[in-house]
PDB file of N, CA and C in Angstrom:
ATOM      1  N   MET A   1     125.066 -30.140 135.316  1.00  0.00           N
ATOM      2  CA  MET A   1     124.593 -28.869 134.818  1.00  0.00           C
ATOM      3  C   MET A   1     123.274 -29.099 134.079  1.00  0.00           C
ATOM      4  N   GLU A   2     122.320 -28.274 134.361  1.00  0.00           N
ATOM      5  CA  GLU A   2     121.012 -28.417 133.750  1.00  0.00           C
ATOM      6  C   GLU A   2     120.936 -27.616 132.448  1.00  0.00           C
ATOM      7  N   LEU A   3     120.168 -28.138 131.519  1.00  0.00           N
ATOM      8  CA  LEU A   3     120.058 -27.541 130.190  1.00  0.00           C
ATOM      9  C   LEU A   3     119.589 -26.094 130.251  1.00  0.00           C
ATOM     10  N   GLU A   4     118.529 -25.812 130.981  1.00  0.00           N
ATOM     11  CA  GLU A   4     117.978 -24.451 130.975  1.00  0.00           C
ATOM     12  C   GLU A   4     118.952 -23.431 131.552  1.00  0.00           C
ATOM     13  N   MET A   5     119.688 -23.823 132.574  1.00  0.00           N
ATOM     14  CA  MET A   5     120.693 -22.916 133.134  1.00  0.00           C
ATOM     15  C   MET A   5     121.781 -22.636 132.101  1.00  0.00           C
ATOM     16  N   LEU A   6     122.229 -23.677 131.402  1.00  0.00           N
ATOM     17  CA  LEU A   6     123.258 -23.532 130.383  1.00  0.00           C
ATOM     18  C   LEU A   6     122.755 -22.665 129.225  1.00  0.00           C
ATOM     19  N   ARG A   7     121.549 -22.910 128.766  1.00  0.00           N
ATOM     20  CA  ARG A   7     120.967 -22.119 127.674  1.00  0.00           C
ATOM     21  C   ARG A   7     120.887 -20.644 128.054  1.00  0.00           C
ATOM     22  N   GLN A   8     120.453 -20.382 129.257  1.00  0.00           N
ATOM     23  CA  GLN A   8     120.339 -18.993 129.707  1.00  0.00           C
ATOM     24  C   GLN A   8     121.705 -18.321 129.734  1.00  0.00           C
ATOM     25  N   TYR A   9     122.715 -19.040 130.213  1.00  0.00           N
ATOM     26  CA  TYR A   9     124.077 -18.493 130.265  1.00  0.00           C
ATOM     27  C   TYR A   9     124.563 -18.163 128.851  1.00  0.00           C
ATOM     28  N   LEU A  10     124.327 -19.070 127.910  1.00  0.00           N
ATOM     29  CA  LEU A  10     124.759 -18.865 126.525  1.00  0.00           C
ATOM     30  C   LEU A  10     123.989 -17.724 125.858  1.00  0.00           C
ATOM     31  N   ARG A  11     122.700 -17.644 126.108  1.00  0.00           N
ATOM     32  CA  ARG A  11     121.868 -16.586 125.521  1.00  0.00           C
ATOM     33  C   ARG A  11     122.241 -15.205 126.052  1.00  0.00           C
ATOM     34  N   ASN A  12     122.744 -15.135 127.265  1.00  0.00           N
ATOM     35  CA  ASN A  12     123.058 -13.851 127.888  1.00  0.00           C
ATOM     36  C   ASN A  12     124.342 -13.215 127.369  1.00  0.00           C
ATOM     37  N   LYS A  13     125.082 -13.913 126.531  1.00  0.00           N
ATOM     38  CA  LYS A  13     126.282 -13.333 125.935  1.00  0.00           C
ATOM     39  C   LYS A  13     125.858 -12.246 124.940  1.00  0.00           C
ATOM     40  N   LYS A  14     126.600 -11.148 124.910  1.00  0.00           N
ATOM     41  CA  LYS A  14     126.274 -10.044 124.001  1.00  0.00           C
ATOM     42  C   LYS A  14     126.213 -10.535 122.558  1.00  0.00           C
ATOM     43  N   GLY A  15     125.123 -10.237 121.874  1.00  0.00           N
ATOM     44  CA  GLY A  15     124.975 -10.581 120.469  1.00  0.00           C
ATOM     45  C   GLY A  15     124.666 -12.042 120.210  1.00  0.00           C
ATOM     46  N   SER A  16     124.416 -12.817 121.254  1.00  0.00           N
ATOM     47  CA  SER A  16     124.195 -14.254 121.116  1.00  0.00           C
ATOM     48  C   SER A  16     122.825 -14.560 120.539  1.00  0.00           C
ATOM     49  N   THR A  17     122.802 -15.553 119.639  1.00  0.00           N
ATOM     50  CA  THR A  17     121.543 -16.073 119.114  1.00  0.00           C
ATOM     51  C   THR A  17     121.552 -17.584 119.262  1.00  0.00           C
ATOM     52  N   GLU A  18     120.379 -18.160 119.379  1.00  0.00           N
ATOM     53  CA  GLU A  18     120.219 -19.611 119.458  1.00  0.00           C
ATOM     54  C   GLU A  18     119.517 -20.075 118.187  1.00  0.00           C
ATOM     55  N   GLU A  19     120.124 -21.043 117.516  1.00  0.00           N
ATOM     56  CA  GLU A  19     119.580 -21.535 116.257  1.00  0.00           C
ATOM     57  C   GLU A  19     119.625 -23.059 116.219  1.00  0.00           C
ATOM     58  N   ILE A  20     118.947 -23.642 115.227  1.00  0.00           N
ATOM     59  CA  ILE A  20     118.999 -25.099 115.037  1.00  0.00           C
ATOM     60  C   ILE A  20     119.279 -25.426 113.561  1.00  0.00           C
ATOM     61  N   PRO A  21     120.423 -24.970 113.029  1.00  0.00           N
ATOM     62  CA  PRO A  21     120.710 -25.165 111.603  1.00  0.00           C
ATOM     63  C   PRO A  21     121.023 -26.609 111.209  1.00  0.00           C
ATOM     64  N   PHE A  22     121.384 -27.439 112.170  1.00  0.00           N
ATOM     65  CA  PHE A  22     121.772 -28.821 111.876  1.00  0.00           C
ATOM     66  C   PHE A  22     120.686 -29.825 112.266  1.00  0.00           C
ATOM     67  N   GLY A  23     119.503 -29.334 112.545  1.00  0.00           N
ATOM     68  CA  GLY A  23     118.417 -30.198 112.967  1.00  0.00           C
ATOM     69  C   GLY A  23     118.111 -29.998 114.442  1.00  0.00           C
ATOM     70  N   PRO A  24     116.999 -30.571 114.895  1.00  0.00           N
ATOM     71  CA  PRO A  24     116.528 -30.306 116.253  1.00  0.00           C
ATOM     72  C   PRO A  24     117.376 -30.910 117.369  1.00  0.00           C
ATOM     73  N   GLU A  25     118.320 -31.765 117.047  1.00  0.00           N
ATOM     74  CA  GLU A  25     119.120 -32.418 118.088  1.00  0.00           C
ATOM     75  C   GLU A  25     120.211 -31.521 118.665  1.00  0.00           C
ATOM     76  N   VAL A  26     120.579 -30.459 117.925  1.00  0.00           N
ATOM     77  CA  VAL A  26     121.715 -29.629 118.354  1.00  0.00           C
ATOM     78  C   VAL A  26     121.308 -28.158 118.387  1.00  0.00           C
ATOM     79  N   LEU A  27     121.466 -27.547 119.549  1.00  0.00           N
ATOM     80  CA  LEU A  27     121.257 -26.114 119.698  1.00  0.00           C
ATOM     81  C   LEU A  27     122.582 -25.433 119.398  1.00  0.00           C
ATOM     82  N   VAL A  28     122.574 -24.471 118.485  1.00  0.00           N
ATOM     83  CA  VAL A  28     123.792 -23.778 118.084  1.00  0.00           C
ATOM     84  C   VAL A  28     123.701 -22.328 118.555  1.00  0.00           C
ATOM     85  N   PHE A  29     124.722 -21.910 119.268  1.00  0.00           N
ATOM     86  CA  PHE A  29     124.778 -20.542 119.773  1.00  0.00           C
ATOM     87  C   PHE A  29     125.840 -19.792 118.987  1.00  0.00           C
ATOM     88  N   LYS A  30     125.432 -18.633 118.457  1.00  0.00           N
ATOM     89  CA  LYS A  30     126.309 -17.841 117.614  1.00  0.00           C
ATOM     90  C   LYS A  30     126.396 -16.420 118.139  1.00  0.00           C
ATOM     91  N   VAL A  31     127.527 -15.785 117.820  1.00  0.00           N
ATOM     92  CA  VAL A  31     127.670 -14.356 118.051  1.00  0.00           C
ATOM     93  C   VAL A  31     127.919 -13.739 116.679  1.00  0.00           C
ATOM     94  N   LEU A  32     127.011 -12.880 116.270  1.00  0.00           N
ATOM     95  CA  LEU A  32     127.052 -12.240 114.951  1.00  0.00           C
ATOM     96  C   LEU A  32     127.311 -13.256 113.839  1.00  0.00           C
ATOM     97  N   GLY A  33     126.592 -14.374 113.902  1.00  0.00           N
ATOM     98  CA  GLY A  33     126.647 -15.380 112.850  1.00  0.00           C
ATOM     99  C   GLY A  33     127.765 -16.403 112.960  1.00  0.00           C
ATOM    100  N   LYS A  34     128.616 -16.302 113.965  1.00  0.00           N
ATOM    101  CA  LYS A  34     129.733 -17.241 114.135  1.00  0.00           C
ATOM    102  C   LYS A  34     129.474 -18.132 115.354  1.00  0.00           C
ATOM    103  N   MET A  35     129.618 -19.434 115.176  1.00  0.00           N
ATOM    104  CA  MET A  35     129.348 -20.389 116.257  1.00  0.00           C
ATOM    105  C   MET A  35     130.376 -20.266 117.388  1.00  0.00           C
ATOM    106  N   PHE A  36     129.873 -20.299 118.630  1.00  0.00           N
ATOM    107  CA  PHE A  36     130.773 -20.390 119.776  1.00  0.00           C
ATOM    108  C   PHE A  36     130.403 -21.547 120.700  1.00  0.00           C
ATOM    109  N   ALA A  37     129.223 -22.131 120.513  1.00  0.00           N
ATOM    110  CA  ALA A  37     128.827 -23.280 121.338  1.00  0.00           C
ATOM    111  C   ALA A  37     127.758 -24.088 120.615  1.00  0.00           C
ATOM    112  N   LEU A  38     127.849 -25.404 120.763  1.00  0.00           N
ATOM    113  CA  LEU A  38     126.842 -26.318 120.249  1.00  0.00           C
ATOM    114  C   LEU A  38     126.448 -27.228 121.401  1.00  0.00           C
ATOM    115  N   VAL A  39     125.172 -27.377 121.627  1.00  0.00           N
ATOM    116  CA  VAL A  39     124.683 -28.189 122.738  1.00  0.00           C
ATOM    117  C   VAL A  39     123.867 -29.356 122.209  1.00  0.00           C
ATOM    118  N   ALA A  40     124.343 -30.572 122.499  1.00  0.00           N
ATOM    119  CA  ALA A  40     123.584 -31.783 122.174  1.00  0.00           C
ATOM    120  C   ALA A  40     122.616 -31.988 123.335  1.00  0.00           C
ATOM    121  N   TRP A  41     121.486 -31.323 123.240  1.00  0.00           N
ATOM    122  CA  TRP A  41     120.568 -31.229 124.389  1.00  0.00           C
ATOM    123  C   TRP A  41     119.805 -32.519 124.661  1.00  0.00           C
ATOM    124  N   GLN A  42     119.766 -33.420 123.702  1.00  0.00           N
ATOM    125  CA  GLN A  42     119.065 -34.682 123.919  1.00  0.00           C
ATOM    126  C   GLN A  42     119.999 -35.787 124.402  1.00  0.00           C
ATOM    127  N   ALA A  43     121.295 -35.514 124.398  1.00  0.00           N
ATOM    128  CA  ALA A  43     122.263 -36.518 124.848  1.00  0.00           C
ATOM    129  C   ALA A  43     122.158 -36.695 126.360  1.00  0.00           C
ATOM    130  N   ALA A  44     122.429 -37.887 126.801  1.00  0.00           N
ATOM    131  CA  ALA A  44     122.452 -38.162 128.244  1.00  0.00           C
ATOM    132  C   ALA A  44     123.782 -38.857 128.549  1.00  0.00           C
ATOM    133  N   PRO A  45     124.669 -38.181 129.245  1.00  0.00           N
ATOM    134  CA  PRO A  45     124.532 -36.817 129.770  1.00  0.00           C
ATOM    135  C   PRO A  45     124.657 -35.755 128.667  1.00  0.00           C
ATOM    136  N   LEU A  46     124.236 -34.567 129.024  1.00  0.00           N
ATOM    137  CA  LEU A  46     124.299 -33.402 128.159  1.00  0.00           C
ATOM    138  C   LEU A  46     125.729 -33.205 127.659  1.00  0.00           C
ATOM    139  N   ARG A  47     125.877 -32.709 126.431  1.00  0.00           N
ATOM    140  CA  ARG A  47     127.197 -32.425 125.860  1.00  0.00           C
ATOM    141  C   ARG A  47     127.201 -31.025 125.268  1.00  0.00           C
ATOM    142  N   ILE A  48     128.357 -30.358 125.398  1.00  0.00           N
ATOM    143  CA  ILE A  48     128.531 -29.040 124.796  1.00  0.00           C
ATOM    144  C   ILE A  48     129.864 -29.020 124.059  1.00  0.00           C
ATOM    145  N   SER A  49     129.868 -28.466 122.869  1.00  0.00           N
ATOM    146  CA  SER A  49     131.098 -28.303 122.102  1.00  0.00           C
ATOM    147  C   SER A  49     131.456 -26.829 122.107  1.00  0.00           C
ATOM    148  N   LEU A  50     132.742 -26.555 122.394  1.00  0.00           N
ATOM    149  CA  LEU A  50     133.209 -25.183 122.523  1.00  0.00           C
ATOM    150  C   LEU A  50     134.506 -24.984 121.756  1.00  0.00           C
ATOM    151  N   LYS A  51     134.661 -23.795 121.204  1.00  0.00           N
ATOM    152  CA  LYS A  51     135.901 -23.435 120.530  1.00  0.00           C
ATOM    153  C   LYS A  51     136.975 -23.276 121.598  1.00  0.00           C
ATOM    154  N   CYS A  52     138.217 -23.615 121.222  1.00  0.00           N
ATOM    155  CA  CYS A  52     139.288 -23.608 122.205  1.00  0.00           C
ATOM    156  C   CYS A  52     140.613 -23.326 121.512  1.00  0.00           C
ATOM    157  N   ASP A  53     141.513 -22.650 122.202  1.00  0.00           N
ATOM    158  CA  ASP A  53     142.871 -22.492 121.704  1.00  0.00           C
ATOM    159  C   ASP A  53     143.446 -23.896 121.480  1.00  0.00           C
ATOM    160  N   PRO A  54     144.109 -24.152 120.343  1.00  0.00           N
ATOM    161  CA  PRO A  54     144.591 -25.505 120.045  1.00  0.00           C
ATOM    162  C   PRO A  54     145.465 -26.138 121.128  1.00  0.00           C
ATOM    163  N   ASP A  55     146.359 -25.367 121.728  1.00  0.00           N
ATOM    164  CA  ASP A  55     147.208 -25.921 122.791  1.00  0.00           C
ATOM    165  C   ASP A  55     146.387 -26.260 124.033  1.00  0.00           C
ATOM    166  N   ASP A  56     145.463 -25.377 124.372  1.00  0.00           N
ATOM    167  CA  ASP A  56     144.594 -25.622 125.526  1.00  0.00           C
ATOM    168  C   ASP A  56     143.682 -26.818 125.275  1.00  0.00           C
ATOM    169  N   ALA A  57     143.228 -26.957 124.037  1.00  0.00           N
ATOM    170  CA  ALA A  57     142.330 -28.067 123.696  1.00  0.00           C
ATOM    171  C   ALA A  57     142.995 -29.403 124.018  1.00  0.00           C
ATOM    172  N   LEU A  58     144.241 -29.555 123.622  1.00  0.00           N
ATOM    173  CA  LEU A  58     144.971 -30.804 123.889  1.00  0.00           C
ATOM    174  C   LEU A  58     145.191 -31.002 125.385  1.00  0.00           C
ATOM    175  N   ALA A  59     145.561 -29.933 126.078  1.00  0.00           N
ATOM    176  CA  ALA A  59     145.812 -30.035 127.517  1.00  0.00           C
ATOM    177  C   ALA A  59     144.548 -30.446 128.269  1.00  0.00           C
ATOM    178  N   LEU A  60     143.407 -29.875 127.902  1.00  0.00           N
ATOM    179  CA  LEU A  60     142.154 -30.207 128.580  1.00  0.00           C
ATOM    180  C   LEU A  60     141.760 -31.662 128.337  1.00  0.00           C
ATOM    181  N   ARG A  61     142.022 -32.157 127.134  1.00  0.00           N
ATOM    182  CA  ARG A  61     141.726 -33.559 126.835  1.00  0.00           C
ATOM    183  C   ARG A  61     142.593 -34.494 127.669  1.00  0.00           C
ATOM    184  N   ASP A  62     143.819 -34.071 127.942  1.00  0.00           N
ATOM    185  CA  ASP A  62     144.708 -34.874 128.790  1.00  0.00           C
ATOM    186  C   ASP A  62     144.278 -34.838 130.254  1.00  0.00           C
ATOM    187  N   MET A  63     143.746 -33.686 130.688  1.00  0.00           N
ATOM    188  CA  MET A  63     143.381 -33.505 132.096  1.00  0.00           C
ATOM    189  C   MET A  63     142.044 -34.135 132.457  1.00  0.00           C
ATOM    190  N   TYR A  64     141.102 -34.120 131.521  1.00  0.00           N
ATOM    191  CA  TYR A  64     139.749 -34.562 131.831  1.00  0.00           C
ATOM    192  C   TYR A  64     139.284 -35.648 130.861  1.00  0.00           C
ATOM    193  N   GLU A  65     138.822 -36.735 131.402  1.00  0.00           N
ATOM    194  CA  GLU A  65     138.286 -37.814 130.582  1.00  0.00           C
ATOM    195  C   GLU A  65     137.018 -37.384 129.839  1.00  0.00           C
ATOM    196  N   ALA A  66     136.289 -36.441 130.413  1.00  0.00           N
ATOM    197  CA  ALA A  66     135.030 -35.982 129.835  1.00  0.00           C
ATOM    198  C   ALA A  66     135.218 -34.922 128.752  1.00  0.00           C
ATOM    199  N   VAL A  67     136.460 -34.585 128.423  1.00  0.00           N
ATOM    200  CA  VAL A  67     136.741 -33.642 127.341  1.00  0.00           C
ATOM    201  C   VAL A  67     137.336 -34.433 126.184  1.00  0.00           C
ATOM    202  N   ILE A  68     136.632 -34.385 125.055  1.00  0.00           N
ATOM    203  CA  ILE A  68     137.046 -35.155 123.890  1.00  0.00           C
ATOM    204  C   ILE A  68     137.152 -34.217 122.680  1.00  0.00           C
ATOM    205  N   PRO A  69     137.807 -34.651 121.613  1.00  0.00           N
ATOM    206  CA  PRO A  69     137.871 -33.802 120.412  1.00  0.00           C
ATOM    207  C   PRO A  69     136.460 -33.451 119.927  1.00  0.00           C
ATOM    208  N   GLY A  70     136.319 -32.269 119.377  1.00  0.00           N
ATOM    209  CA  GLY A  70     135.017 -31.776 118.928  1.00  0.00           C
ATOM    210  C   GLY A  70     134.307 -32.736 117.993  1.00  0.00           C
ATOM    211  N   TYR A  71     133.098 -33.100 118.351  1.00  0.00           N
ATOM    212  CA  TYR A  71     132.292 -34.031 117.577  1.00  0.00           C
ATOM    213  C   TYR A  71     131.802 -33.349 116.299  1.00  0.00           C
ATOM    214  N   HIS A  72     132.187 -33.870 115.146  1.00  0.00           N
ATOM    215  CA  HIS A  72     131.851 -33.319 113.830  1.00  0.00           C
ATOM    216  C   HIS A  72     132.328 -31.879 113.653  1.00  0.00           C
ATOM    217  N   LEU A  73     133.435 -31.532 114.302  1.00  0.00           N
ATOM    218  CA  LEU A  73     133.995 -30.182 114.219  1.00  0.00           C
ATOM    219  C   LEU A  73     135.502 -30.295 113.994  1.00  0.00           C
ATOM    220  N   ASN A  74     136.142 -29.181 113.713  1.00  0.00           N
ATOM    221  CA  ASN A  74     137.595 -29.160 113.570  1.00  0.00           C
ATOM    222  C   ASN A  74     138.214 -29.518 114.923  1.00  0.00           C
ATOM    223  N   LYS A  75     138.791 -30.685 115.004  1.00  0.00           N
ATOM    224  CA  LYS A  75     139.291 -31.204 116.278  1.00  0.00           C
ATOM    225  C   LYS A  75     140.480 -30.427 116.825  1.00  0.00           C
ATOM    226  N   LYS A  76     141.103 -29.637 115.989  1.00  0.00           N
ATOM    227  CA  LYS A  76     142.214 -28.799 116.453  1.00  0.00           C
ATOM    228  C   LYS A  76     141.688 -27.631 117.291  1.00  0.00           C
ATOM    229  N   HIS A  77     140.510 -27.133 116.924  1.00  0.00           N
ATOM    230  CA  HIS A  77     139.984 -25.910 117.543  1.00  0.00           C
ATOM    231  C   HIS A  77     138.749 -26.106 118.411  1.00  0.00           C
ATOM    232  N   TRP A  78     138.199 -27.313 118.462  1.00  0.00           N
ATOM    233  CA  TRP A  78     136.957 -27.536 119.204  1.00  0.00           C
ATOM    234  C   TRP A  78     137.082 -28.748 120.125  1.00  0.00           C
ATOM    235  N   ASN A  79     136.517 -28.620 121.307  1.00  0.00           N
ATOM    236  CA  ASN A  79     136.375 -29.727 122.254  1.00  0.00           C
ATOM    237  C   ASN A  79     134.904 -29.969 122.515  1.00  0.00           C
ATOM    238  N   THR A  80     134.558 -31.218 122.749  1.00  0.00           N
ATOM    239  CA  THR A  80     133.225 -31.571 123.227  1.00  0.00           C
ATOM    240  C   THR A  80     133.371 -31.985 124.673  1.00  0.00           C
ATOM    241  N   ILE A  81     132.557 -31.402 125.529  1.00  0.00           N
ATOM    242  CA  ILE A  81     132.611 -31.683 126.962  1.00  0.00           C
ATOM    243  C   ILE A  81     131.351 -32.463 127.331  1.00  0.00           C
ATOM    244  N   ILE A  82     131.566 -33.624 127.919  1.00  0.00           N
ATOM    245  CA  ILE A  82     130.465 -34.456 128.403  1.00  0.00           C
ATOM    246  C   ILE A  82     130.150 -33.968 129.812  1.00  0.00           C
ATOM    247  N   LEU A  83     128.952 -33.436 129.996  1.00  0.00           N
ATOM    248  CA  LEU A  83     128.587 -32.826 131.277  1.00  0.00           C
ATOM    249  C   LEU A  83     128.056 -33.891 132.239  1.00  0.00           C
ATOM    250  N   ASP A  84     128.992 -34.723 132.701  1.00  0.00           N
ATOM    251  CA  ASP A  84     128.664 -35.848 133.585  1.00  0.00           C
ATOM    252  C   ASP A  84     128.976 -35.552 135.051  1.00  0.00           C
ATOM    253  N   GLU A  85     129.171 -34.253 135.360  1.00  0.00           N
ATOM    254  CA  GLU A  85     129.468 -33.781 136.715  1.00  0.00           C
ATOM    255  C   GLU A  85     130.890 -34.089 137.172  1.00  0.00           C
ATOM    256  N   SER A  86     131.749 -34.572 136.266  1.00  0.00           N
ATOM    257  CA  SER A  86     133.137 -34.832 136.632  1.00  0.00           C
ATOM    258  C   SER A  86     133.984 -33.560 136.549  1.00  0.00           C
ATOM    259  N   ILE A  87     133.450 -32.530 135.913  1.00  0.00           N
ATOM    260  CA  ILE A  87     134.142 -31.249 135.784  1.00  0.00           C
ATOM    261  C   ILE A  87     133.298 -30.202 136.501  1.00  0.00           C
ATOM    262  N   PRO A  88     133.911 -29.379 137.354  1.00  0.00           N
ATOM    263  CA  PRO A  88     133.135 -28.349 138.061  1.00  0.00           C
ATOM    264  C   PRO A  88     132.407 -27.424 137.082  1.00  0.00           C
ATOM    265  N   GLU A  89     131.185 -27.084 137.441  1.00  0.00           N
ATOM    266  CA  GLU A  89     130.364 -26.199 136.616  1.00  0.00           C
ATOM    267  C   GLU A  89     131.081 -24.886 136.327  1.00  0.00           C
ATOM    268  N   SER A  90     131.772 -24.353 137.313  1.00  0.00           N
ATOM    269  CA  SER A  90     132.487 -23.084 137.134  1.00  0.00           C
ATOM    270  C   SER A  90     133.553 -23.199 136.047  1.00  0.00           C
ATOM    271  N   GLU A  91     134.173 -24.342 135.948  1.00  0.00           N
ATOM    272  CA  GLU A  91     135.191 -24.580 134.924  1.00  0.00           C
ATOM    273  C   GLU A  91     134.544 -24.602 133.531  1.00  0.00           C
ATOM    274  N   VAL A  92     133.426 -25.276 133.405  1.00  0.00           N
ATOM    275  CA  VAL A  92     132.715 -25.340 132.124  1.00  0.00           C
ATOM    276  C   VAL A  92     132.278 -23.940 131.706  1.00  0.00           C
ATOM    277  N   LEU A  93     131.754 -23.156 132.627  1.00  0.00           N
ATOM    278  CA  LEU A  93     131.320 -21.797 132.300  1.00  0.00           C
ATOM    279  C   LEU A  93     132.501 -20.927 131.891  1.00  0.00           C
ATOM    280  N   LYS A  94     133.648 -21.150 132.513  1.00  0.00           N
ATOM    281  CA  LYS A  94     134.872 -20.433 132.125  1.00  0.00           C
ATOM    282  C   LYS A  94     135.234 -20.776 130.678  1.00  0.00           C
ATOM    283  N   TRP A  95     135.087 -22.042 130.308  1.00  0.00           N
ATOM    284  CA  TRP A  95     135.384 -22.457 128.930  1.00  0.00           C
ATOM    285  C   TRP A  95     134.391 -21.857 127.948  1.00  0.00           C
ATOM    286  N   VAL A  96     133.136 -21.710 128.367  1.00  0.00           N
ATOM    287  CA  VAL A  96     132.137 -21.029 127.528  1.00  0.00           C
ATOM    288  C   VAL A  96     132.592 -19.602 127.270  1.00  0.00           C
ATOM    289  N   ASP A  97     133.016 -18.909 128.330  1.00  0.00           N
ATOM    290  CA  ASP A  97     133.489 -17.529 128.199  1.00  0.00           C
ATOM    291  C   ASP A  97     134.685 -17.447 127.258  1.00  0.00           C
ATOM    292  N   GLU A  98     135.598 -18.409 127.373  1.00  0.00           N
ATOM    293  CA  GLU A  98     136.786 -18.410 126.518  1.00  0.00           C
ATOM    294  C   GLU A  98     136.414 -18.677 125.060  1.00  0.00           C
ATOM    295  N   SER A  99     135.468 -19.577 124.826  1.00  0.00           N
ATOM    296  CA  SER A  99     135.012 -19.865 123.466  1.00  0.00           C
ATOM    297  C   SER A  99     134.402 -18.611 122.851  1.00  0.00           C
ATOM    298  N   TYR A 100     133.533 -17.977 123.594  1.00  0.00           N
ATOM    299  CA  TYR A 100     132.896 -16.743 123.135  1.00  0.00           C
ATOM    300  C   TYR A 100     133.957 -15.686 122.811  1.00  0.00           C
ATOM    301  N   ALA A 101     134.915 -15.512 123.709  1.00  0.00           N
ATOM    302  CA  ALA A 101     135.970 -14.504 123.519  1.00  0.00           C
ATOM    303  C   ALA A 101     136.813 -14.805 122.275  1.00  0.00           C
ATOM    304  N   LEU A 102     137.118 -16.072 122.041  1.00  0.00           N
ATOM    305  CA  LEU A 102     137.885 -16.442 120.840  1.00  0.00           C
ATOM    306  C   LEU A 102     137.127 -16.078 119.568  1.00  0.00           C
ATOM    307  N   VAL A 103     135.835 -16.346 119.555  1.00  0.00           N
ATOM    308  CA  VAL A 103     135.028 -16.043 118.373  1.00  0.00           C
ATOM    309  C   VAL A 103     134.923 -14.532 118.183  1.00  0.00           C
ATOM    310  N   VAL A 104     134.687 -13.801 119.259  1.00  0.00           N
ATOM    311  CA  VAL A 104     134.594 -12.334 119.165  1.00  0.00           C
ATOM    312  C   VAL A 104     135.918 -11.763 118.671  1.00  0.00           C
ATOM    313  N   LYS A 105     137.014 -12.293 119.157  1.00  0.00           N
ATOM    314  CA  LYS A 105     138.341 -11.827 118.738  1.00  0.00           C
ATOM    315  C   LYS A 105     138.536 -12.001 117.228  1.00  0.00           C
ATOM    316  N   GLY A 106     137.934 -13.026 116.649  1.00  0.00           N
ATOM    317  CA  GLY A 106     138.056 -13.292 115.224  1.00  0.00           C
ATOM    318  C   GLY A 106     137.112 -12.494 114.343  1.00  0.00           C
ATOM    319  N   LEU A 107     136.204 -11.740 114.956  1.00  0.00           N
ATOM    320  CA  LEU A 107     135.277 -10.915 114.185  1.00  0.00           C
ATOM    321  C   LEU A 107     135.995  -9.702 113.604  1.00  0.00           C
ATOM    322  N   LYS A 108     135.394  -9.110 112.587  1.00  0.00           N
ATOM    323  CA  LYS A 108     135.928  -7.868 112.040  1.00  0.00           C
ATOM    324  C   LYS A 108     135.832  -6.780 113.099  1.00  0.00           C
ATOM    325  N   LYS A 109     136.700  -5.797 112.992  1.00  0.00           N
ATOM    326  CA  LYS A 109     136.718  -4.699 113.950  1.00  0.00           C
ATOM    327  C   LYS A 109     135.354  -4.015 114.034  1.00  0.00           C
ATOM    328  N   SER A 110     134.711  -3.816 112.896  1.00  0.00           N
ATOM    329  CA  SER A 110     133.405  -3.153 112.875  1.00  0.00           C
ATOM    330  C   SER A 110     132.354  -3.995 113.603  1.00  0.00           C
ATOM    331  N   GLU A 111     132.461  -5.330 113.488  1.00  0.00           N
ATOM    332  CA  GLU A 111     131.521  -6.210 114.180  1.00  0.00           C
ATOM    333  C   GLU A 111     131.748  -6.171 115.690  1.00  0.00           C
ATOM    334  N   ARG A 112     133.010  -6.154 116.098  1.00  0.00           N
ATOM    335  CA  ARG A 112     133.317  -6.044 117.536  1.00  0.00           C
ATOM    336  C   ARG A 112     132.773  -4.715 118.086  1.00  0.00           C
ATOM    337  N   GLN A 113     132.889  -3.664 117.272  1.00  0.00           N
ATOM    338  CA  GLN A 113     132.373  -2.365 117.688  1.00  0.00           C
ATOM    339  C   GLN A 113     130.862  -2.406 117.858  1.00  0.00           C
ATOM    340  N   THR A 114     130.180  -3.136 116.982  1.00  0.00           N
ATOM    341  CA  THR A 114     128.725  -3.298 117.081  1.00  0.00           C
ATOM    342  C   THR A 114     128.364  -3.928 118.421  1.00  0.00           C
ATOM    343  N   LEU A 115     129.116  -4.943 118.823  1.00  0.00           N
ATOM    344  CA  LEU A 115     128.863  -5.575 120.116  1.00  0.00           C
ATOM    345  C   LEU A 115     129.060  -4.600 121.267  1.00  0.00           C
ATOM    346  N   GLN A 116     130.127  -3.811 121.190  1.00  0.00           N
ATOM    347  CA  GLN A 116     130.379  -2.835 122.243  1.00  0.00           C
ATOM    348  C   GLN A 116     129.279  -1.790 122.297  1.00  0.00           C
ATOM    349  N   ASP A 117     128.796  -1.371 121.136  1.00  0.00           N
ATOM    350  CA  ASP A 117     127.741  -0.355 121.074  1.00  0.00           C
ATOM    351  C   ASP A 117     126.436  -0.856 121.698  1.00  0.00           C
ATOM    352  N   GLU A 118     126.210  -2.172 121.640  1.00  0.00           N
ATOM    353  CA  GLU A 118     124.982  -2.749 122.211  1.00  0.00           C
ATOM    354  C   GLU A 118     124.903  -2.547 123.714  1.00  0.00           C
ATOM    355  N   THR A 119     126.050  -2.446 124.377  1.00  0.00           N
ATOM    356  CA  THR A 119     126.039  -2.325 125.835  1.00  0.00           C
ATOM    357  C   THR A 119     125.916  -0.888 126.303  1.00  0.00           C
ATOM    358  N   MET A 120     126.018   0.045 125.395  1.00  0.00           N
ATOM    359  CA  MET A 120     125.965   1.467 125.788  1.00  0.00           C
ATOM    360  C   MET A 120     124.551   1.980 125.801  1.00  0.00           C
TER     361      MET A 120
END
């Protein structure tokens, strides 16, 4: 997966912003101020950390060698995926969608409404 394609996919999420609060090595994608993805864009291979349901997080780590506990994140809720082409791109994008959905679900009702209003 190429960086620019991944960045574009992350930026296209409703309410998504791209920031560098932890320094230039990590691109942080947020929805209304809450992180849903972190991209170690200088790593080779590229790495992305995504929020995940705790049970799913463990299962994915068992299924894929390239899925490890979230680097410098709450390991119960975050996975880091090494984008070494061992996992289908469609699967990674599905996990991005799930991470985004988990974060949106945790927003206040008024914030979720703001996101919905943006599409109208």
